[in-house]
PDB file of all heavy atoms in Angstrom:
ATOM      1  N   MET A   1     -17.139  -3.342  12.526  1.00  0.00           N
ATOM      2  CA  MET A   1     -16.241  -3.092  11.406  1.00  0.00           C
ATOM      3  C   MET A   1     -15.234  -4.236  11.233  1.00  0.00           C
ATOM      4  O   MET A   1     -14.968  -4.695  10.117  1.00  0.00           O
ATOM      5  CB  MET A   1     -15.516  -1.759  11.616  1.00  0.00           C
ATOM      6  CG  MET A   1     -14.665  -1.323  10.440  1.00  0.00           C
ATOM      7  SD  MET A   1     -12.942  -1.780  10.653  1.00  0.00           S
ATOM      8  CE  MET A   1     -12.429  -0.538  11.831  1.00  0.00           C
ATOM      9  N   MET A   2     -14.671  -4.715  12.346  1.00  0.00           N
ATOM     10  CA  MET A   2     -13.736  -5.833  12.279  1.00  0.00           C
ATOM     11  C   MET A   2     -14.422  -7.107  11.772  1.00  0.00           C
ATOM     12  O   MET A   2     -13.870  -7.840  10.940  1.00  0.00           O
ATOM     13  CB  MET A   2     -13.117  -6.078  13.651  1.00  0.00           C
ATOM     14  CG  MET A   2     -12.090  -5.047  14.078  1.00  0.00           C
ATOM     15  SD  MET A   2     -10.614  -5.007  13.033  1.00  0.00           S
ATOM     16  CE  MET A   2      -9.961  -6.662  13.294  1.00  0.00           C
ATOM     17  N   ALA A   3     -15.624  -7.363  12.256  1.00  0.00           N
ATOM     18  CA  ALA A   3     -16.370  -8.541  11.801  1.00  0.00           C
ATOM     19  C   ALA A   3     -16.698  -8.433  10.317  1.00  0.00           C
ATOM     20  O   ALA A   3     -16.670  -9.432   9.583  1.00  0.00           O
ATOM     21  CB  ALA A   3     -17.646  -8.700  12.619  1.00  0.00           C
ATOM     22  N   ASN A   4     -16.984  -7.227   9.875  1.00  0.00           N
ATOM     23  CA  ASN A   4     -17.320  -7.006   8.467  1.00  0.00           C
ATOM     24  C   ASN A   4     -16.139  -7.341   7.566  1.00  0.00           C
ATOM     25  O   ASN A   4     -16.297  -7.971   6.516  1.00  0.00           O
ATOM     26  CB  ASN A   4     -17.750  -5.550   8.276  1.00  0.00           C
ATOM     27  CG  ASN A   4     -18.430  -5.315   6.940  1.00  0.00           C
ATOM     28  OD1 ASN A   4     -19.252  -6.129   6.502  1.00  0.00           O
ATOM     29  ND2 ASN A   4     -18.118  -4.198   6.309  1.00  0.00           N
ATOM     30  N   TRP A   5     -14.936  -6.948   7.974  1.00  0.00           N
ATOM     31  CA  TRP A   5     -13.744  -7.288   7.195  1.00  0.00           C
ATOM     32  C   TRP A   5     -13.427  -8.783   7.297  1.00  0.00           C
ATOM     33  O   TRP A   5     -13.103  -9.428   6.292  1.00  0.00           O
ATOM     34  CB  TRP A   5     -12.536  -6.484   7.685  1.00  0.00           C
ATOM     35  CG  TRP A   5     -12.450  -5.105   7.123  1.00  0.00           C
ATOM     36  CD1 TRP A   5     -12.530  -3.923   7.813  1.00  0.00           C
ATOM     37  CD2 TRP A   5     -12.250  -4.742   5.751  1.00  0.00           C
ATOM     38  NE1 TRP A   5     -12.397  -2.858   6.962  1.00  0.00           N
ATOM     39  CE2 TRP A   5     -12.219  -3.323   5.681  1.00  0.00           C
ATOM     40  CE3 TRP A   5     -12.099  -5.467   4.563  1.00  0.00           C
ATOM     41  CZ2 TRP A   5     -12.045  -2.624   4.490  1.00  0.00           C
ATOM     42  CZ3 TRP A   5     -11.919  -4.769   3.367  1.00  0.00           C
ATOM     43  CH2 TRP A   5     -11.899  -3.377   3.343  1.00  0.00           C
ATOM     44  N   SER A   6     -13.518  -9.329   8.512  1.00  0.00           N
ATOM     45  CA  SER A   6     -13.099 -10.722   8.742  1.00  0.00           C
ATOM     46  C   SER A   6     -13.875 -11.704   7.881  1.00  0.00           C
ATOM     47  O   SER A   6     -13.348 -12.760   7.492  1.00  0.00           O
ATOM     48  CB  SER A   6     -13.264 -11.082  10.225  1.00  0.00           C
ATOM     49  OG  SER A   6     -12.415 -10.293  11.028  1.00  0.00           O
ATOM     50  N   ARG A   7     -15.129 -11.393   7.584  1.00  0.00           N
ATOM     51  CA  ARG A   7     -15.938 -12.343   6.815  1.00  0.00           C
ATOM     52  C   ARG A   7     -15.445 -12.539   5.384  1.00  0.00           C
ATOM     53  O   ARG A   7     -15.824 -13.502   4.721  1.00  0.00           O
ATOM     54  CB  ARG A   7     -17.405 -11.908   6.811  1.00  0.00           C
ATOM     55  CG  ARG A   7     -17.707 -10.612   6.054  1.00  0.00           C
ATOM     56  CD  ARG A   7     -19.112 -10.122   6.395  1.00  0.00           C
ATOM     57  NE  ARG A   7     -19.432  -8.849   5.784  1.00  0.00           N
ATOM     58  CZ  ARG A   7     -20.253  -8.691   4.752  1.00  0.00           C
ATOM     59  NH1 ARG A   7     -20.835  -9.745   4.201  1.00  0.00           N
ATOM     60  NH2 ARG A   7     -20.500  -7.489   4.262  1.00  0.00           N
ATOM     61  N   PHE A   8     -14.573 -11.639   4.912  1.00  0.00           N
ATOM     62  CA  PHE A   8     -14.063 -11.754   3.550  1.00  0.00           C
ATOM     63  C   PHE A   8     -12.803 -12.612   3.456  1.00  0.00           C
ATOM     64  O   PHE A   8     -12.361 -12.941   2.350  1.00  0.00           O
ATOM     65  CB  PHE A   8     -13.740 -10.363   2.979  1.00  0.00           C
ATOM     66  CG  PHE A   8     -14.938  -9.499   2.735  1.00  0.00           C
ATOM     67  CD1 PHE A   8     -15.186  -8.401   3.548  1.00  0.00           C
ATOM     68  CD2 PHE A   8     -15.829  -9.773   1.706  1.00  0.00           C
ATOM     69  CE1 PHE A   8     -16.284  -7.595   3.346  1.00  0.00           C
ATOM     70  CE2 PHE A   8     -16.936  -8.967   1.487  1.00  0.00           C
ATOM     71  CZ  PHE A   8     -17.174  -7.877   2.306  1.00  0.00           C
ATOM     72  N   PHE A   9     -12.209 -12.969   4.608  1.00  0.00           N
ATOM     73  CA  PHE A   9     -10.897 -13.611   4.578  1.00  0.00           C
ATOM     74  C   PHE A   9     -10.908 -14.946   5.321  1.00  0.00           C
ATOM     75  O   PHE A   9     -11.678 -15.138   6.261  1.00  0.00           O
ATOM     76  CB  PHE A   9      -9.844 -12.686   5.211  1.00  0.00           C
ATOM     77  CG  PHE A   9      -9.775 -11.318   4.598  1.00  0.00           C
ATOM     78  CD1 PHE A   9     -10.102 -10.189   5.338  1.00  0.00           C
ATOM     79  CD2 PHE A   9      -9.389 -11.153   3.275  1.00  0.00           C
ATOM     80  CE1 PHE A   9     -10.047  -8.920   4.783  1.00  0.00           C
ATOM     81  CE2 PHE A   9      -9.332  -9.893   2.702  1.00  0.00           C
ATOM     82  CZ  PHE A   9      -9.659  -8.766   3.455  1.00  0.00           C
ATOM     83  N   ASP A  10     -10.021 -15.842   4.884  1.00  0.00           N
ATOM     84  CA  ASP A  10      -9.852 -17.120   5.588  1.00  0.00           C
ATOM     85  C   ASP A  10      -8.511 -17.164   6.310  1.00  0.00           C
ATOM     86  O   ASP A  10      -7.971 -18.224   6.580  1.00  0.00           O
ATOM     87  CB  ASP A  10      -9.983 -18.300   4.616  1.00  0.00           C
ATOM     88  CG  ASP A  10      -8.968 -18.256   3.491  1.00  0.00           C
ATOM     89  OD1 ASP A  10      -8.149 -17.302   3.460  1.00  0.00           O
ATOM     90  OD2 ASP A  10      -8.977 -19.159   2.639  1.00  0.00           O
ATOM     91  N   PHE A  11      -7.973 -15.983   6.638  1.00  0.00           N
ATOM     92  CA  PHE A  11      -6.754 -15.879   7.432  1.00  0.00           C
ATOM     93  C   PHE A  11      -7.028 -14.887   8.563  1.00  0.00           C
ATOM     94  O   PHE A  11      -7.996 -14.114   8.505  1.00  0.00           O
ATOM     95  CB  PHE A  11      -5.558 -15.427   6.586  1.00  0.00           C
ATOM     96  CG  PHE A  11      -5.858 -14.316   5.608  1.00  0.00           C
ATOM     97  CD1 PHE A  11      -5.923 -12.991   6.037  1.00  0.00           C
ATOM     98  CD2 PHE A  11      -6.078 -14.597   4.262  1.00  0.00           C
ATOM     99  CE1 PHE A  11      -6.199 -11.968   5.151  1.00  0.00           C
ATOM    100  CE2 PHE A  11      -6.362 -13.574   3.369  1.00  0.00           C
ATOM    101  CZ  PHE A  11      -6.420 -12.260   3.812  1.00  0.00           C
ATOM    102  N   PRO A  12      -6.208 -14.885   9.612  1.00  0.00           N
ATOM    103  CA  PRO A  12      -6.493 -14.049  10.784  1.00  0.00           C
ATOM    104  C   PRO A  12      -6.442 -12.555  10.467  1.00  0.00           C
ATOM    105  O   PRO A  12      -5.594 -12.089   9.694  1.00  0.00           O
ATOM    106  CB  PRO A  12      -5.391 -14.424  11.779  1.00  0.00           C
ATOM    107  CG  PRO A  12      -4.863 -15.730  11.310  1.00  0.00           C
ATOM    108  CD  PRO A  12      -5.024 -15.748   9.829  1.00  0.00           C
ATOM    109  N   CYS A  13      -7.360 -11.814  11.066  1.00  0.00           N
ATOM    110  CA  CYS A  13      -7.343 -10.353  11.017  1.00  0.00           C
ATOM    111  C   CYS A  13      -6.990  -9.839  12.410  1.00  0.00           C
ATOM    112  O   CYS A  13      -7.557 -10.292  13.406  1.00  0.00           O
ATOM    113  CB  CYS A  13      -8.704  -9.806  10.592  1.00  0.00           C
ATOM    114  SG  CYS A  13      -9.152 -10.186   8.889  1.00  0.00           S
ATOM    115  N   ALA A  14      -6.061  -8.918  12.476  1.00  0.00           N
ATOM    116  CA  ALA A  14      -5.585  -8.394  13.763  1.00  0.00           C
ATOM    117  C   ALA A  14      -5.974  -6.935  13.903  1.00  0.00           C
ATOM    118  O   ALA A  14      -5.862  -6.158  12.955  1.00  0.00           O
ATOM    119  CB  ALA A  14      -4.069  -8.543  13.857  1.00  0.00           C
ATOM    120  N   GLN A  15      -6.427  -6.569  15.087  1.00  0.00           N
ATOM    121  CA  GLN A  15      -6.871  -5.207  15.347  1.00  0.00           C
ATOM    122  C   GLN A  15      -5.785  -4.402  16.054  1.00  0.00           C
ATOM    123  O   GLN A  15      -5.263  -4.832  17.078  1.00  0.00           O
ATOM    124  CB  GLN A  15      -8.130  -5.239  16.218  1.00  0.00           C
ATOM    125  CG  GLN A  15      -8.607  -3.871  16.673  1.00  0.00           C
ATOM    126  CD  GLN A  15      -9.870  -3.966  17.509  1.00  0.00           C
ATOM    127  OE1 GLN A  15     -10.967  -3.825  17.010  1.00  0.00           O
ATOM    128  NE2 GLN A  15      -9.718  -4.217  18.807  1.00  0.00           N
ATOM    129  N   LEU A  16      -5.451  -3.221  15.509  1.00  0.00           N
ATOM    130  CA  LEU A  16      -4.525  -2.290  16.153  1.00  0.00           C
ATOM    131  C   LEU A  16      -5.219  -0.941  16.266  1.00  0.00           C
ATOM    132  O   LEU A  16      -5.520  -0.302  15.256  1.00  0.00           O
ATOM    133  CB  LEU A  16      -3.232  -2.127  15.349  1.00  0.00           C
ATOM    134  CG  LEU A  16      -2.200  -3.251  15.423  1.00  0.00           C
ATOM    135  CD1 LEU A  16      -2.570  -4.375  14.467  1.00  0.00           C
ATOM    136  CD2 LEU A  16      -0.817  -2.724  15.083  1.00  0.00           C
ATOM    137  N   LEU A  17      -5.497  -0.517  17.496  1.00  0.00           N
ATOM    138  CA  LEU A  17      -6.128   0.769  17.753  1.00  0.00           C
ATOM    139  C   LEU A  17      -5.082   1.727  18.300  1.00  0.00           C
ATOM    140  O   LEU A  17      -4.480   1.467  19.340  1.00  0.00           O
ATOM    141  CB  LEU A  17      -7.286   0.606  18.747  1.00  0.00           C
ATOM    142  CG  LEU A  17      -8.441  -0.278  18.268  1.00  0.00           C
ATOM    143  CD1 LEU A  17      -9.486  -0.434  19.363  1.00  0.00           C
ATOM    144  CD2 LEU A  17      -9.072   0.301  17.018  1.00  0.00           C
ATOM    145  N   LEU A  18      -4.875   2.835  17.606  1.00  0.00           N
ATOM    146  CA  LEU A  18      -3.788   3.742  17.943  1.00  0.00           C
ATOM    147  C   LEU A  18      -4.303   5.140  18.229  1.00  0.00           C
ATOM    148  O   LEU A  18      -5.361   5.545  17.745  1.00  0.00           O
ATOM    149  CB  LEU A  18      -2.790   3.817  16.779  1.00  0.00           C
ATOM    150  CG  LEU A  18      -2.214   2.496  16.263  1.00  0.00           C
ATOM    151  CD1 LEU A  18      -1.292   2.759  15.084  1.00  0.00           C
ATOM    152  CD2 LEU A  18      -1.476   1.775  17.370  1.00  0.00           C
ATOM    153  N   THR A  19      -3.527   5.880  19.011  1.00  0.00           N
ATOM    154  CA  THR A  19      -3.747   7.308  19.186  1.00  0.00           C
ATOM    155  C   THR A  19      -2.479   8.035  18.741  1.00  0.00           C
ATOM    156  O   THR A  19      -1.419   7.430  18.548  1.00  0.00           O
ATOM    157  CB  THR A  19      -4.029   7.672  20.663  1.00  0.00           C
ATOM    158  OG1 THR A  19      -2.842   7.426  21.429  1.00  0.00           O
ATOM    159  CG2 THR A  19      -5.186   6.855  21.224  1.00  0.00           C
ATOM    160  N   TYR A  20      -2.600   9.340  18.585  1.00  0.00           N
ATOM    161  CA  TYR A  20      -1.429  10.133  18.234  1.00  0.00           C
ATOM    162  C   TYR A  20      -0.344   9.978  19.290  1.00  0.00           C
ATOM    163  O   TYR A  20       0.849   9.968  18.976  1.00  0.00           O
ATOM    164  CB  TYR A  20      -1.820  11.609  18.092  1.00  0.00           C
ATOM    165  CG  TYR A  20      -0.692  12.496  17.628  1.00  0.00           C
ATOM    166  CD1 TYR A  20      -0.389  12.616  16.272  1.00  0.00           C
ATOM    167  CD2 TYR A  20       0.091  13.205  18.528  1.00  0.00           C
ATOM    168  CE1 TYR A  20       0.653  13.415  15.838  1.00  0.00           C
ATOM    169  CE2 TYR A  20       1.132  14.010  18.109  1.00  0.00           C
ATOM    170  CZ  TYR A  20       1.410  14.109  16.763  1.00  0.00           C
ATOM    171  OH  TYR A  20       2.452  14.902  16.337  1.00  0.00           O
ATOM    172  N   ASP A  21      -0.752   9.835  20.541  1.00  0.00           N
ATOM    173  CA  ASP A  21       0.203   9.696  21.638  1.00  0.00           C
ATOM    174  C   ASP A  21       1.041   8.428  21.486  1.00  0.00           C
ATOM    175  O   ASP A  21       2.211   8.400  21.862  1.00  0.00           O
ATOM    176  CB  ASP A  21      -0.545   9.682  22.970  1.00  0.00           C
ATOM    177  CG  ASP A  21       0.361  10.044  24.139  1.00  0.00           C
ATOM    178  OD1 ASP A  21       1.185  10.957  23.989  1.00  0.00           O
ATOM    179  OD2 ASP A  21       0.237   9.405  25.193  1.00  0.00           O
ATOM    180  N   ASP A  22       0.430   7.370  20.951  1.00  0.00           N
ATOM    181  CA  ASP A  22       1.179   6.131  20.713  1.00  0.00           C
ATOM    182  C   ASP A  22       2.291   6.356  19.696  1.00  0.00           C
ATOM    183  O   ASP A  22       3.387   5.792  19.813  1.00  0.00           O
ATOM    184  CB  ASP A  22       0.241   5.027  20.196  1.00  0.00           C
ATOM    185  CG  ASP A  22      -0.810   4.630  21.216  1.00  0.00           C
ATOM    186  OD1 ASP A  22      -0.491   4.604  22.414  1.00  0.00           O
ATOM    187  OD2 ASP A  22      -1.950   4.341  20.808  1.00  0.00           O
ATOM    188  N   LEU A  23       2.016   7.170  18.691  1.00  0.00           N
ATOM    189  CA  LEU A  23       2.996   7.444  17.642  1.00  0.00           C
ATOM    190  C   LEU A  23       4.020   8.479  18.101  1.00  0.00           C
ATOM    191  O   LEU A  23       5.164   8.481  17.651  1.00  0.00           O
ATOM    192  CB  LEU A  23       2.274   7.943  16.382  1.00  0.00           C
ATOM    193  CG  LEU A  23       1.298   6.932  15.764  1.00  0.00           C
ATOM    194  CD1 LEU A  23       0.319   7.634  14.827  1.00  0.00           C
ATOM    195  CD2 LEU A  23       2.051   5.835  15.023  1.00  0.00           C
ATOM    196  N   HIS A  24       3.605   9.335  19.031  1.00  0.00           N
ATOM    197  CA  HIS A  24       4.471  10.388  19.556  1.00  0.00           C
ATOM    198  C   HIS A  24       5.555   9.827  20.472  1.00  0.00           C
ATOM    199  O   HIS A  24       6.658  10.363  20.537  1.00  0.00           O
ATOM    200  CB  HIS A  24       3.580  11.377  20.322  1.00  0.00           C
ATOM    201  CG  HIS A  24       4.309  12.344  21.188  1.00  0.00           C
ATOM    202  ND1 HIS A  24       4.822  13.521  20.716  1.00  0.00           N
ATOM    203  CD2 HIS A  24       4.614  12.318  22.511  1.00  0.00           C
ATOM    204  CE1 HIS A  24       5.413  14.173  21.705  1.00  0.00           C
ATOM    205  NE2 HIS A  24       5.300  13.473  22.806  1.00  0.00           N
ATOM    206  N   ASN A  25       5.242   8.734  21.150  1.00  0.00           N
ATOM    207  CA  ASN A  25       6.181   8.132  22.097  1.00  0.00           C
ATOM    208  C   ASN A  25       7.093   7.136  21.371  1.00  0.00           C
ATOM    209  O   ASN A  25       6.610   6.185  20.760  1.00  0.00           O
ATOM    210  CB  ASN A  25       5.388   7.427  23.207  1.00  0.00           C
ATOM    211  CG  ASN A  25       6.286   6.806  24.261  1.00  0.00           C
ATOM    212  OD1 ASN A  25       6.868   5.761  24.036  1.00  0.00           O
ATOM    213  ND2 ASN A  25       6.369   7.445  25.411  1.00  0.00           N
ATOM    214  N   ARG A  26       8.402   7.368  21.453  1.00  0.00           N
ATOM    215  CA  ARG A  26       9.347   6.553  20.676  1.00  0.00           C
ATOM    216  C   ARG A  26       9.273   5.074  21.052  1.00  0.00           C
ATOM    217  O   ARG A  26       9.302   4.205  20.173  1.00  0.00           O
ATOM    218  CB  ARG A  26      10.776   7.075  20.883  1.00  0.00           C
ATOM    219  CG  ARG A  26      11.860   6.286  20.147  1.00  0.00           C
ATOM    220  CD  ARG A  26      11.695   6.344  18.648  1.00  0.00           C
ATOM    221  NE  ARG A  26      12.712   5.568  17.960  1.00  0.00           N
ATOM    222  CZ  ARG A  26      12.689   5.285  16.659  1.00  0.00           C
ATOM    223  NH1 ARG A  26      11.692   5.699  15.916  1.00  0.00           N
ATOM    224  NH2 ARG A  26      13.643   4.585  16.102  1.00  0.00           N
TER     225      ARG A  26
END
């Protein structure tokens, strides 16, 4: 999925994988 998006752009794509727990913790 990341490679599929990256091929459309000539600038860096950054991946952020989150869980609910990441958002729950201040």
